[in-house]
Amino acid sequence: MRNIYELDSCKPHHVFLVCCFVCADKKSRPATGLNIYQRLVFLSVFVTALVIAEILVRKVKFPALQPSHIILLITIGTLSAMFNFFMTLGIDLAPNIGYVNAVNASSVSAVTICTALLFKDDFSIRKFLGVLGVTAGLLLLIM
């Protein structure tokens, strides 16, 4: 049995799983007439099946989870589902899909600022210029 934390190189079934996910994503685009909930459930079921198949193929052994780990996993899953829902909603409602992608890409600036404030991470002049450039580019796109 393998441990979940062991990593190895890319295998052929990894490439197959990525191709399956890309195909599923293309099938769930707005042009198919599916609403947001149907698309998200379809992708969730498909990805869950692929993850379970990967676990079975690799014979992954899970360590015992503590209650705090379970709460953290549920929180991460909930926030991830909310992100997917609002990104899909934004793509459906935005006049230009570039706006949604630009706002999503600008989250890197928010993470950089939050890590500097909350975790006292280094906020060098290079990082400041990067945040300033992303913010300026976003403002130019939106205006």
Protein backbone atom coordinates (compact mmCIF):
# COMPACT_ATOMS: atom_id res chain seq x y z
CA MET A 1 0.00 0.00 0.00
CA ARG A 2 1.22 3.48 -0.84
CA ASN A 3 1.05 6.52 1.37
CA ILE A 4 -1.02 9.48 0.17
CA TYR A 5 1.96 11.81 0.57
CA GLU A 6 4.23 9.95 -1.85
CA LEU A 7 4.67 11.58 -5.24
CA ASP A 8 5.92 10.05 -8.44
CA SER A 9 6.32 11.05 -12.06
CA CYS A 10 3.54 11.52 -14.56
CA LYS A 11 2.04 8.21 -15.63
CA PRO A 12 -0.10 7.45 -18.70
CA HIS A 13 -3.28 7.24 -16.61
CA HIS A 14 -2.59 10.75 -15.25
CA VAL A 15 -2.59 12.08 -18.81
CA PHE A 16 -5.80 10.13 -19.49
CA LEU A 17 -7.50 11.62 -16.42
CA VAL A 18 -6.51 15.16 -17.42
CA CYS A 19 -7.85 14.57 -20.95
CA CYS A 20 -11.11 13.25 -19.50
CA PHE A 21 -11.47 16.32 -17.32
CA VAL A 22 -10.81 18.65 -20.27
CA CYS A 23 -13.44 16.81 -22.34
CA ALA A 24 -15.93 17.03 -19.48
CA ASP A 25 -15.24 20.74 -19.12
CA LYS A 26 -15.79 21.35 -22.83
CA LYS A 27 -19.06 19.42 -22.67
CA SER A 28 -20.30 21.59 -19.81
CA ARG A 29 -19.85 25.00 -21.45
CA PRO A 30 -22.87 27.35 -21.59
CA ALA A 31 -23.51 26.49 -25.25
CA THR A 32 -24.93 23.12 -24.18
CA GLY A 33 -27.96 24.74 -22.55
CA LEU A 34 -27.23 23.41 -19.06
CA ASN A 35 -27.79 25.74 -16.15
CA ILE A 36 -25.11 26.48 -13.55
CA TYR A 37 -26.24 23.84 -11.07
CA GLN A 38 -26.33 21.10 -13.70
CA ARG A 39 -22.84 22.00 -14.91
CA LEU A 40 -21.38 22.07 -11.41
CA VAL A 41 -23.01 18.78 -10.39
CA PHE A 42 -21.85 17.15 -13.62
CA LEU A 43 -18.27 18.28 -13.09
CA SER A 44 -18.33 17.38 -9.39
CA VAL A 45 -19.57 13.85 -10.07
CA PHE A 46 -17.12 13.38 -12.93
CA VAL A 47 -14.12 14.66 -10.97
CA THR A 48 -15.10 12.65 -7.89
CA ALA A 49 -15.27 9.49 -10.01
CA LEU A 50 -11.82 10.25 -11.46
CA VAL A 51 -10.34 10.86 -8.00
CA ILE A 52 -11.82 7.61 -6.67
CA ALA A 53 -10.45 5.76 -9.71
CA GLU A 54 -7.02 7.28 -9.09
CA ILE A 55 -7.15 6.21 -5.43
CA LEU A 56 -8.07 2.66 -6.41
CA VAL A 57 -5.45 2.41 -9.15
CA ARG A 58 -2.65 3.71 -6.92
CA LYS A 59 -3.85 1.81 -3.81
CA VAL A 60 -3.53 4.92 -1.66
CA LYS A 61 -3.56 4.44 2.11
CA PHE A 62 -5.06 7.32 4.09
CA PRO A 63 -3.76 8.23 7.53
CA ALA A 64 -6.29 8.59 10.36
CA LEU A 65 -8.03 11.95 10.20
CA GLN A 66 -8.62 14.02 13.30
CA PRO A 67 -11.86 16.01 13.72
CA SER A 68 -10.00 19.27 13.09
CA HIS A 69 -8.76 17.87 9.76
CA ILE A 70 -12.30 16.91 8.75
CA ILE A 71 -13.59 20.40 9.57
CA LEU A 72 -10.76 21.91 7.53
CA LEU A 73 -11.53 19.62 4.56
CA ILE A 74 -15.24 20.50 4.70
CA THR A 75 -14.38 24.21 4.82
CA ILE A 76 -12.02 23.90 1.86
CA GLY A 77 -14.64 21.94 -0.12
CA THR A 78 -17.36 24.49 0.65
CA LEU A 79 -15.19 27.45 -0.34
CA SER A 80 -14.08 25.65 -3.50
CA ALA A 81 -17.69 24.93 -4.46
CA MET A 82 -18.59 28.58 -3.84
CA PHE A 83 -15.69 29.71 -6.03
CA ASN A 84 -16.77 27.39 -8.85
CA PHE A 85 -20.38 28.55 -8.57
CA PHE A 86 -19.56 32.26 -8.68
CA MET A 87 -17.00 31.86 -11.47
CA THR A 88 -19.59 30.00 -13.55
CA LEU A 89 -22.22 32.62 -12.74
CA GLY A 90 -19.80 35.38 -13.67
CA ILE A 91 -18.97 33.71 -16.98
CA ASP A 92 -22.68 33.42 -17.76
CA LEU A 93 -23.50 37.03 -16.84
CA ALA A 94 -20.42 38.98 -17.96
CA PRO A 95 -20.59 40.77 -21.30
CA ASN A 96 -16.98 39.72 -21.90
CA ILE A 97 -15.43 36.58 -20.41
CA GLY A 98 -12.12 38.43 -20.19
CA TYR A 99 -13.50 40.51 -17.32
CA VAL A 100 -14.12 37.43 -15.21
CA ASN A 101 -10.71 35.97 -15.96
CA ALA A 102 -8.98 39.29 -15.22
CA VAL A 103 -10.68 39.64 -11.85
CA ASN A 104 -9.82 36.02 -11.06
CA ALA A 105 -6.17 36.61 -12.01
CA SER A 106 -6.05 39.70 -9.81
CA SER A 107 -6.66 37.48 -6.79
CA VAL A 108 -2.90 36.87 -6.82
CA SER A 109 -2.49 40.51 -5.74
CA ALA A 110 -4.97 40.06 -2.92
CA VAL A 111 -3.17 36.93 -1.71
CA THR A 112 0.19 38.72 -1.83
CA ILE A 113 -1.12 41.64 0.24
CA CYS A 114 -2.89 39.35 2.72
CA THR A 115 0.20 37.22 3.29
CA ALA A 116 2.25 40.35 3.92
CA LEU A 117 -0.30 41.66 6.43
CA LEU A 118 -1.38 38.46 8.15
CA PHE A 119 1.77 36.33 8.07
CA LYS A 120 4.40 39.10 7.97
CA ASP A 121 5.73 37.82 4.66
CA ASP A 122 8.34 39.84 2.79
CA PHE A 123 6.66 42.58 0.73
CA SER A 124 9.58 43.71 -1.42
CA ILE A 125 9.54 46.52 -3.94
CA ARG A 126 9.36 43.87 -6.68
CA LYS A 127 6.17 42.41 -5.21
CA PHE A 128 4.75 45.91 -4.74
CA LEU A 129 5.39 46.74 -8.39
CA GLY A 130 3.77 43.45 -9.42
CA VAL A 131 0.65 44.19 -7.36
CA LEU A 132 0.56 47.73 -8.74
CA GLY A 133 0.91 46.46 -12.32
CA VAL A 134 -1.86 43.87 -11.94
CA THR A 135 -4.17 46.42 -10.34
CA ALA A 136 -3.47 49.03 -13.01
CA GLY A 137 -4.05 46.49 -15.78
CA LEU A 138 -7.34 45.42 -14.23
CA LEU A 139 -8.49 49.03 -13.93
CA LEU A 140 -7.59 49.69 -17.56
CA LEU A 141 -9.53 46.64 -18.66
CA ILE A 142 -12.66 47.48 -16.70
CA MET A 143 -12.79 51.21 -17.54
